[in-house]
C-alpha cells in the first residue's frame, strides 16, 4: 500500500494539470507566447521552459503537439536562424507562414536573429 501511494505522489511531481509532463506543458506555454513576426530557437524555448539542454525535446514536443494544441510551430527555428525542415518536408510552408508575419530571410536563407529573435521582457510566469 505504501508503494502505491509513493508512485501516485511521484506521478504528481512530473505531470501537470493536463496530464502531460510539466516540462511539456511549459514548452507549450512558451511557444504560445512567441508573438507574430518573431522567432525563437529550440534551445531558447527549452531554456525558458526550464531546461536549457532539452532542445531536442522541444523538437519532439513540436512534432507531437503542434496540431492538436494549435501551436505557432513555424516560429521556432534553429540557433543559426535557419529553418530546420528540409525542402519538400515543410520548409516551404514554414517560410511562407513566417514571411506572412513579416519575417525577412537573407540571401543565405537565414533569419536575422538580432532583429527577429523573441526574448520576453520578463521571465514568463508558467503554471506549476
N, C-alpha and C. Protein backbone atom coordinates (compact mmCIF):
# COMPACT_ATOMS: atom_id res chain seq x y z
N UNK A 1 0.83 -1.19 0.00
CA UNK A 1 0.00 0.00 0.00
C UNK A 1 0.86 1.25 0.00
N UNK A 2 1.94 1.25 0.79
CA UNK A 2 2.84 2.40 0.83
C UNK A 2 3.45 2.66 -0.54
N UNK A 3 3.88 1.61 -1.23
CA UNK A 3 4.50 1.74 -2.54
C UNK A 3 3.53 2.37 -3.54
N UNK A 4 2.29 1.98 -3.53
CA UNK A 4 1.30 2.54 -4.45
C UNK A 4 1.13 4.04 -4.19
N UNK A 5 1.04 4.44 -2.94
CA UNK A 5 0.92 5.86 -2.60
C UNK A 5 2.13 6.65 -3.05
N UNK A 6 3.31 6.06 -2.93
CA UNK A 6 4.55 6.72 -3.34
C UNK A 6 4.57 6.92 -4.85
N UNK A 7 4.13 5.92 -5.61
CA UNK A 7 4.09 6.01 -7.07
C UNK A 7 3.11 7.11 -7.50
N UNK A 8 1.96 7.20 -6.87
CA UNK A 8 0.98 8.25 -7.18
C UNK A 8 1.58 9.62 -6.89
N UNK A 9 2.24 9.79 -5.75
CA UNK A 9 2.87 11.07 -5.42
C UNK A 9 3.96 11.43 -6.43
N UNK A 10 4.76 10.44 -6.85
CA UNK A 10 5.81 10.68 -7.83
C UNK A 10 5.20 11.13 -9.16
N UNK A 11 4.11 10.51 -9.55
CA UNK A 11 3.45 10.89 -10.80
C UNK A 11 2.97 12.34 -10.74
N UNK A 12 2.48 12.79 -9.61
CA UNK A 12 2.03 14.17 -9.46
C UNK A 12 3.18 15.16 -9.61
N UNK A 13 4.40 14.74 -9.24
CA UNK A 13 5.56 15.62 -9.35
C UNK A 13 5.96 15.87 -10.80
N UNK A 14 5.76 14.90 -11.68
CA UNK A 14 6.21 15.04 -13.06
C UNK A 14 5.10 15.33 -14.06
N UNK A 15 3.84 15.25 -13.64
CA UNK A 15 2.76 15.56 -14.55
C UNK A 15 2.03 16.80 -14.09
N UNK A 16 1.56 17.55 -15.05
CA UNK A 16 0.86 18.79 -14.75
C UNK A 16 -0.65 18.63 -14.83
N UNK A 17 -1.31 19.76 -14.96
CA UNK A 17 -2.77 19.79 -14.94
C UNK A 17 -3.41 19.02 -16.09
N UNK A 18 -2.76 19.04 -17.26
CA UNK A 18 -3.34 18.38 -18.42
C UNK A 18 -2.90 16.92 -18.53
N UNK A 19 -2.21 16.41 -17.53
CA UNK A 19 -1.74 15.03 -17.55
C UNK A 19 -0.46 14.86 -18.34
N UNK A 20 0.08 15.95 -18.87
CA UNK A 20 1.34 15.90 -19.60
C UNK A 20 2.48 16.14 -18.62
N UNK A 21 3.67 15.79 -19.05
CA UNK A 21 4.86 16.09 -18.27
C UNK A 21 4.93 17.61 -18.09
N UNK A 22 5.33 18.07 -16.93
CA UNK A 22 5.37 19.50 -16.62
C UNK A 22 6.24 20.25 -17.63
N UNK A 23 7.38 19.68 -18.01
CA UNK A 23 8.23 20.34 -19.00
C UNK A 23 7.49 20.52 -20.32
N UNK A 24 6.74 19.53 -20.74
CA UNK A 24 5.96 19.63 -21.98
C UNK A 24 4.97 20.78 -21.89
N UNK A 25 4.28 20.89 -20.77
CA UNK A 25 3.31 21.98 -20.60
C UNK A 25 4.00 23.34 -20.65
N UNK A 26 5.17 23.43 -20.05
CA UNK A 26 5.90 24.70 -20.06
C UNK A 26 6.37 25.05 -21.47
N UNK A 27 6.84 24.06 -22.21
CA UNK A 27 7.26 24.30 -23.60
C UNK A 27 6.07 24.81 -24.41
N UNK A 28 4.92 24.20 -24.24
CA UNK A 28 3.72 24.63 -24.96
C UNK A 28 3.39 26.08 -24.63
N UNK A 29 3.48 26.45 -23.36
CA UNK A 29 3.20 27.83 -22.96
C UNK A 29 4.20 28.80 -23.57
N UNK A 30 5.47 28.44 -23.58
CA UNK A 30 6.49 29.31 -24.16
C UNK A 30 6.23 29.51 -25.65
N UNK A 31 5.97 28.43 -26.37
CA UNK A 31 5.73 28.54 -27.81
C UNK A 31 4.49 29.39 -28.09
N UNK A 32 3.45 29.22 -27.30
CA UNK A 32 2.25 30.06 -27.47
C UNK A 32 2.54 31.54 -27.24
N UNK A 33 3.55 31.84 -26.45
CA UNK A 33 3.86 33.24 -26.11
C UNK A 33 4.69 33.94 -27.19
N UNK A 34 5.25 33.20 -28.14
CA UNK A 34 6.06 33.84 -29.18
C UNK A 34 5.13 34.66 -30.06
N UNK A 35 5.35 35.98 -30.13
CA UNK A 35 4.43 36.83 -30.90
C UNK A 35 4.63 36.71 -32.42
N UNK A 36 3.61 37.11 -33.14
CA UNK A 36 3.70 37.15 -34.60
C UNK A 36 4.86 38.05 -35.00
N UNK A 37 5.58 37.63 -36.04
CA UNK A 37 6.69 38.42 -36.52
C UNK A 37 7.99 38.21 -35.77
N UNK A 38 8.00 37.29 -34.83
CA UNK A 38 9.21 36.96 -34.06
C UNK A 38 9.44 35.46 -34.13
N UNK A 39 10.68 35.06 -33.84
CA UNK A 39 11.02 33.64 -33.79
C UNK A 39 11.81 33.37 -32.51
N UNK A 40 11.93 32.11 -32.19
CA UNK A 40 12.72 31.69 -31.04
C UNK A 40 13.40 30.38 -31.43
N UNK A 41 14.57 30.13 -30.89
CA UNK A 41 15.28 28.89 -31.21
C UNK A 41 14.78 27.75 -30.32
N UNK A 42 15.03 26.54 -30.77
CA UNK A 42 14.65 25.36 -29.98
C UNK A 42 15.30 25.41 -28.61
N UNK A 43 16.58 25.76 -28.57
CA UNK A 43 17.30 25.83 -27.31
C UNK A 43 16.79 26.92 -26.38
N UNK A 44 16.43 28.07 -26.94
CA UNK A 44 15.91 29.17 -26.14
C UNK A 44 14.55 28.79 -25.56
N UNK A 45 13.71 28.12 -26.35
CA UNK A 45 12.42 27.64 -25.84
C UNK A 45 12.66 26.69 -24.68
N UNK A 46 13.60 25.77 -24.85
CA UNK A 46 13.91 24.81 -23.78
C UNK A 46 14.37 25.53 -22.52
N UNK A 47 15.25 26.52 -22.69
CA UNK A 47 15.76 27.26 -21.53
C UNK A 47 14.64 28.01 -20.82
N UNK A 48 13.77 28.66 -21.59
CA UNK A 48 12.66 29.39 -20.99
C UNK A 48 11.68 28.46 -20.26
N UNK A 49 11.62 27.21 -20.73
CA UNK A 49 10.75 26.22 -20.10
C UNK A 49 11.43 25.53 -18.91
N UNK A 50 12.71 25.85 -18.70
CA UNK A 50 13.37 25.32 -17.51
C UNK A 50 14.47 24.32 -17.71
N UNK A 51 14.81 23.98 -18.97
CA UNK A 51 15.89 23.02 -19.19
C UNK A 51 16.66 23.40 -20.45
N UNK A 52 17.73 24.14 -20.26
CA UNK A 52 18.49 24.66 -21.40
C UNK A 52 19.15 23.57 -22.25
N UNK A 53 19.16 22.35 -21.77
CA UNK A 53 19.79 21.25 -22.51
C UNK A 53 18.77 20.37 -23.23
N UNK A 54 17.55 20.85 -23.38
CA UNK A 54 16.48 20.00 -23.92
C UNK A 54 15.95 20.46 -25.26
N UNK A 55 16.81 21.00 -26.12
CA UNK A 55 16.36 21.47 -27.43
C UNK A 55 15.72 20.35 -28.25
N UNK A 56 16.28 19.16 -28.17
CA UNK A 56 15.72 18.03 -28.94
C UNK A 56 14.35 17.62 -28.40
N UNK A 57 14.15 17.81 -27.12
CA UNK A 57 12.84 17.53 -26.53
C UNK A 57 11.81 18.52 -27.07
N UNK A 58 12.22 19.76 -27.28
CA UNK A 58 11.32 20.77 -27.88
C UNK A 58 10.91 20.32 -29.28
N UNK A 59 11.85 19.79 -30.04
CA UNK A 59 11.54 19.28 -31.38
C UNK A 59 10.48 18.19 -31.28
N UNK A 60 10.65 17.27 -30.35
CA UNK A 60 9.68 16.17 -30.18
C UNK A 60 8.31 16.71 -29.80
N UNK A 61 8.29 17.66 -28.89
CA UNK A 61 7.01 18.24 -28.45
C UNK A 61 6.32 18.95 -29.62
N UNK A 62 7.09 19.70 -30.40
CA UNK A 62 6.50 20.35 -31.57
C UNK A 62 5.93 19.32 -32.54
N UNK A 63 6.67 18.25 -32.76
CA UNK A 63 6.22 17.21 -33.69
C UNK A 63 4.92 16.55 -33.22
N UNK A 64 4.81 16.30 -31.94
CA UNK A 64 3.66 15.56 -31.43
C UNK A 64 2.48 16.44 -31.01
N UNK A 65 2.73 17.70 -30.67
CA UNK A 65 1.67 18.53 -30.07
C UNK A 65 1.22 19.72 -30.90
N UNK A 66 1.96 20.09 -31.94
CA UNK A 66 1.66 21.33 -32.67
C UNK A 66 0.23 21.39 -33.18
N UNK A 67 -0.20 20.36 -33.86
CA UNK A 67 -1.52 20.39 -34.45
C UNK A 67 -2.62 20.34 -33.40
N UNK A 68 -2.55 19.39 -32.48
CA UNK A 68 -3.64 19.25 -31.51
C UNK A 68 -3.69 20.41 -30.52
N UNK A 69 -2.55 21.08 -30.28
CA UNK A 69 -2.51 22.21 -29.35
C UNK A 69 -2.64 23.56 -30.08
N UNK A 70 -2.65 23.53 -31.42
CA UNK A 70 -2.76 24.75 -32.20
C UNK A 70 -1.57 25.68 -31.99
N UNK A 71 -0.38 25.11 -31.94
CA UNK A 71 0.82 25.90 -31.64
C UNK A 71 1.33 26.62 -32.89
N UNK A 72 1.91 27.81 -32.69
CA UNK A 72 2.57 28.51 -33.81
C UNK A 72 3.96 27.90 -34.05
N UNK A 73 3.98 26.67 -34.47
CA UNK A 73 5.20 25.88 -34.64
C UNK A 73 6.20 26.55 -35.56
N UNK A 74 5.69 27.30 -36.52
CA UNK A 74 6.54 27.92 -37.53
C UNK A 74 7.46 29.00 -36.95
N UNK A 75 7.21 29.45 -35.73
CA UNK A 75 8.02 30.50 -35.11
C UNK A 75 9.24 29.95 -34.38
N UNK A 76 9.47 28.65 -34.46
CA UNK A 76 10.63 28.05 -33.80
C UNK A 76 11.61 27.61 -34.90
N UNK A 77 12.84 28.12 -34.81
CA UNK A 77 13.87 27.84 -35.79
C UNK A 77 15.15 27.40 -35.06
N UNK A 78 16.18 27.06 -35.80
CA UNK A 78 17.40 26.65 -35.12
C UNK A 78 18.20 27.86 -34.65
N UNK A 79 19.25 27.62 -33.90
CA UNK A 79 20.01 28.70 -33.27
C UNK A 79 20.76 29.58 -34.26
N UNK A 80 20.85 29.14 -35.50
CA UNK A 80 21.51 29.92 -36.54
C UNK A 80 20.53 30.77 -37.34
N UNK A 81 19.25 30.71 -36.97
CA UNK A 81 18.23 31.45 -37.70
C UNK A 81 17.78 30.77 -38.97
N UNK A 82 18.00 29.48 -39.04
CA UNK A 82 17.60 28.70 -40.21
C UNK A 82 16.41 27.81 -39.90
N UNK A 83 15.61 27.56 -40.90
CA UNK A 83 14.52 26.59 -40.77
C UNK A 83 15.15 25.21 -40.84
N UNK A 84 14.82 24.36 -39.88
CA UNK A 84 15.42 23.03 -39.82
C UNK A 84 14.76 22.02 -40.74
N UNK A 85 13.53 22.27 -41.12
CA UNK A 85 12.83 21.34 -42.00
C UNK A 85 13.47 21.35 -43.39
N UNK A 86 13.46 20.22 -44.03
CA UNK A 86 14.05 20.08 -45.36
C UNK A 86 13.05 20.53 -46.43
N UNK A 87 13.57 21.00 -47.58
CA UNK A 87 12.67 21.32 -48.69
C UNK A 87 11.82 20.10 -49.05
N UNK A 88 10.55 20.34 -49.27
CA UNK A 88 9.61 19.26 -49.58
C UNK A 88 9.08 18.54 -48.34
N UNK A 89 9.58 18.92 -47.15
CA UNK A 89 9.13 18.29 -45.91
C UNK A 89 8.67 19.32 -44.89
N UNK A 90 8.23 20.47 -45.40
CA UNK A 90 7.69 21.50 -44.51
C UNK A 90 8.45 22.81 -44.55
N UNK A 91 9.63 22.82 -45.17
CA UNK A 91 10.43 24.05 -45.23
C UNK A 91 9.63 25.19 -45.87
N UNK A 92 9.04 24.92 -47.02
CA UNK A 92 8.34 25.96 -47.77
C UNK A 92 7.15 26.52 -46.98
N UNK A 93 6.41 25.65 -46.33
CA UNK A 93 5.25 26.07 -45.53
C UNK A 93 5.70 26.95 -44.36
N UNK A 94 6.75 26.55 -43.65
CA UNK A 94 7.22 27.33 -42.52
C UNK A 94 7.71 28.70 -42.99
N UNK A 95 8.44 28.73 -44.07
CA UNK A 95 8.93 30.01 -44.59
C UNK A 95 7.78 30.91 -45.00
N UNK A 96 6.79 30.33 -45.67
CA UNK A 96 5.61 31.10 -46.09
C UNK A 96 4.89 31.72 -44.89
N UNK A 97 4.68 30.93 -43.86
CA UNK A 97 3.99 31.44 -42.66
C UNK A 97 4.79 32.56 -41.99
N UNK A 98 6.09 32.41 -41.92
CA UNK A 98 6.92 33.44 -41.31
C UNK A 98 6.93 34.72 -42.17
N UNK A 99 7.03 34.56 -43.47
CA UNK A 99 7.02 35.73 -44.35
C UNK A 99 5.69 36.47 -44.27
N UNK A 100 4.59 35.75 -44.14
CA UNK A 100 3.27 36.39 -43.96
C UNK A 100 3.23 37.25 -42.70
N UNK A 101 4.03 36.87 -41.70
CA UNK A 101 4.08 37.62 -40.44
C UNK A 101 5.12 38.73 -40.48
N UNK A 102 5.79 38.90 -41.62
CA UNK A 102 6.74 39.98 -41.78
C UNK A 102 8.18 39.62 -41.48
N UNK A 103 8.48 38.35 -41.31
CA UNK A 103 9.85 37.92 -41.05
C UNK A 103 10.58 37.83 -42.39
N UNK A 104 11.72 38.51 -42.49
CA UNK A 104 12.52 38.51 -43.71
C UNK A 104 13.63 37.47 -43.63
N UNK A 105 13.96 36.94 -44.80
CA UNK A 105 15.04 35.97 -44.93
C UNK A 105 16.15 36.60 -45.77
N UNK A 106 17.39 36.36 -45.37
CA UNK A 106 18.53 36.83 -46.14
C UNK A 106 18.75 35.95 -47.35
N UNK A 107 19.71 36.34 -48.17
CA UNK A 107 20.04 35.55 -49.36
C UNK A 107 20.53 34.16 -48.99
N UNK A 108 21.07 34.02 -47.77
CA UNK A 108 21.55 32.72 -47.30
C UNK A 108 20.46 31.93 -46.58
N UNK A 109 19.21 32.38 -46.74
CA UNK A 109 18.02 31.73 -46.17
C UNK A 109 17.95 31.83 -44.65
N UNK A 110 18.74 32.73 -44.08
CA UNK A 110 18.75 32.93 -42.62
C UNK A 110 17.81 34.06 -42.22
N UNK A 111 17.31 33.93 -41.01
CA UNK A 111 16.54 34.99 -40.36
C UNK A 111 17.54 35.74 -39.49
N UNK A 112 17.53 37.05 -39.57
CA UNK A 112 18.43 37.86 -38.74
C UNK A 112 17.90 37.85 -37.31
N UNK A 113 18.57 37.08 -36.45
CA UNK A 113 18.10 36.93 -35.07
C UNK A 113 18.27 38.21 -34.26
N UNK A 114 19.13 39.10 -34.69
CA UNK A 114 19.24 40.39 -33.99
C UNK A 114 17.98 41.22 -34.16
N UNK A 115 17.25 40.95 -35.22
CA UNK A 115 16.00 41.67 -35.49
C UNK A 115 14.78 40.87 -35.03
N UNK A 116 14.75 39.59 -35.35
CA UNK A 116 13.53 38.80 -35.17
C UNK A 116 13.50 37.86 -33.97
N UNK A 117 14.61 37.72 -33.26
CA UNK A 117 14.61 36.81 -32.11
C UNK A 117 13.73 37.37 -31.00
N UNK A 118 12.80 36.57 -30.53
CA UNK A 118 11.92 36.96 -29.42
C UNK A 118 12.61 36.65 -28.10
N UNK A 119 12.68 37.65 -27.28
CA UNK A 119 13.17 37.50 -25.92
C UNK A 119 12.13 38.16 -25.02
N UNK A 120 11.50 37.40 -24.14
CA UNK A 120 10.50 38.00 -23.28
C UNK A 120 11.12 39.10 -22.42
N UNK A 121 10.34 40.17 -22.22
CA UNK A 121 10.83 41.29 -21.40
C UNK A 121 11.05 40.89 -19.95
N UNK A 122 10.31 39.90 -19.53
CA UNK A 122 10.48 39.37 -18.17
C UNK A 122 10.31 37.87 -18.24
N UNK A 123 10.68 37.22 -17.19
CA UNK A 123 10.54 35.76 -17.15
C UNK A 123 9.08 35.41 -17.23
N UNK A 124 8.76 34.46 -18.07
CA UNK A 124 7.38 34.02 -18.21
C UNK A 124 6.94 33.30 -16.96
N UNK A 125 5.82 33.69 -16.43
CA UNK A 125 5.28 33.01 -15.24
C UNK A 125 4.49 31.81 -15.72
N UNK A 126 5.07 30.65 -15.56
CA UNK A 126 4.43 29.42 -16.03
C UNK A 126 3.71 28.74 -14.89
N UNK A 127 2.59 28.16 -15.24
CA UNK A 127 1.80 27.44 -14.21
C UNK A 127 2.61 26.28 -13.67
N UNK A 128 2.50 26.08 -12.39
CA UNK A 128 3.18 24.95 -11.75
C UNK A 128 2.24 23.79 -11.65
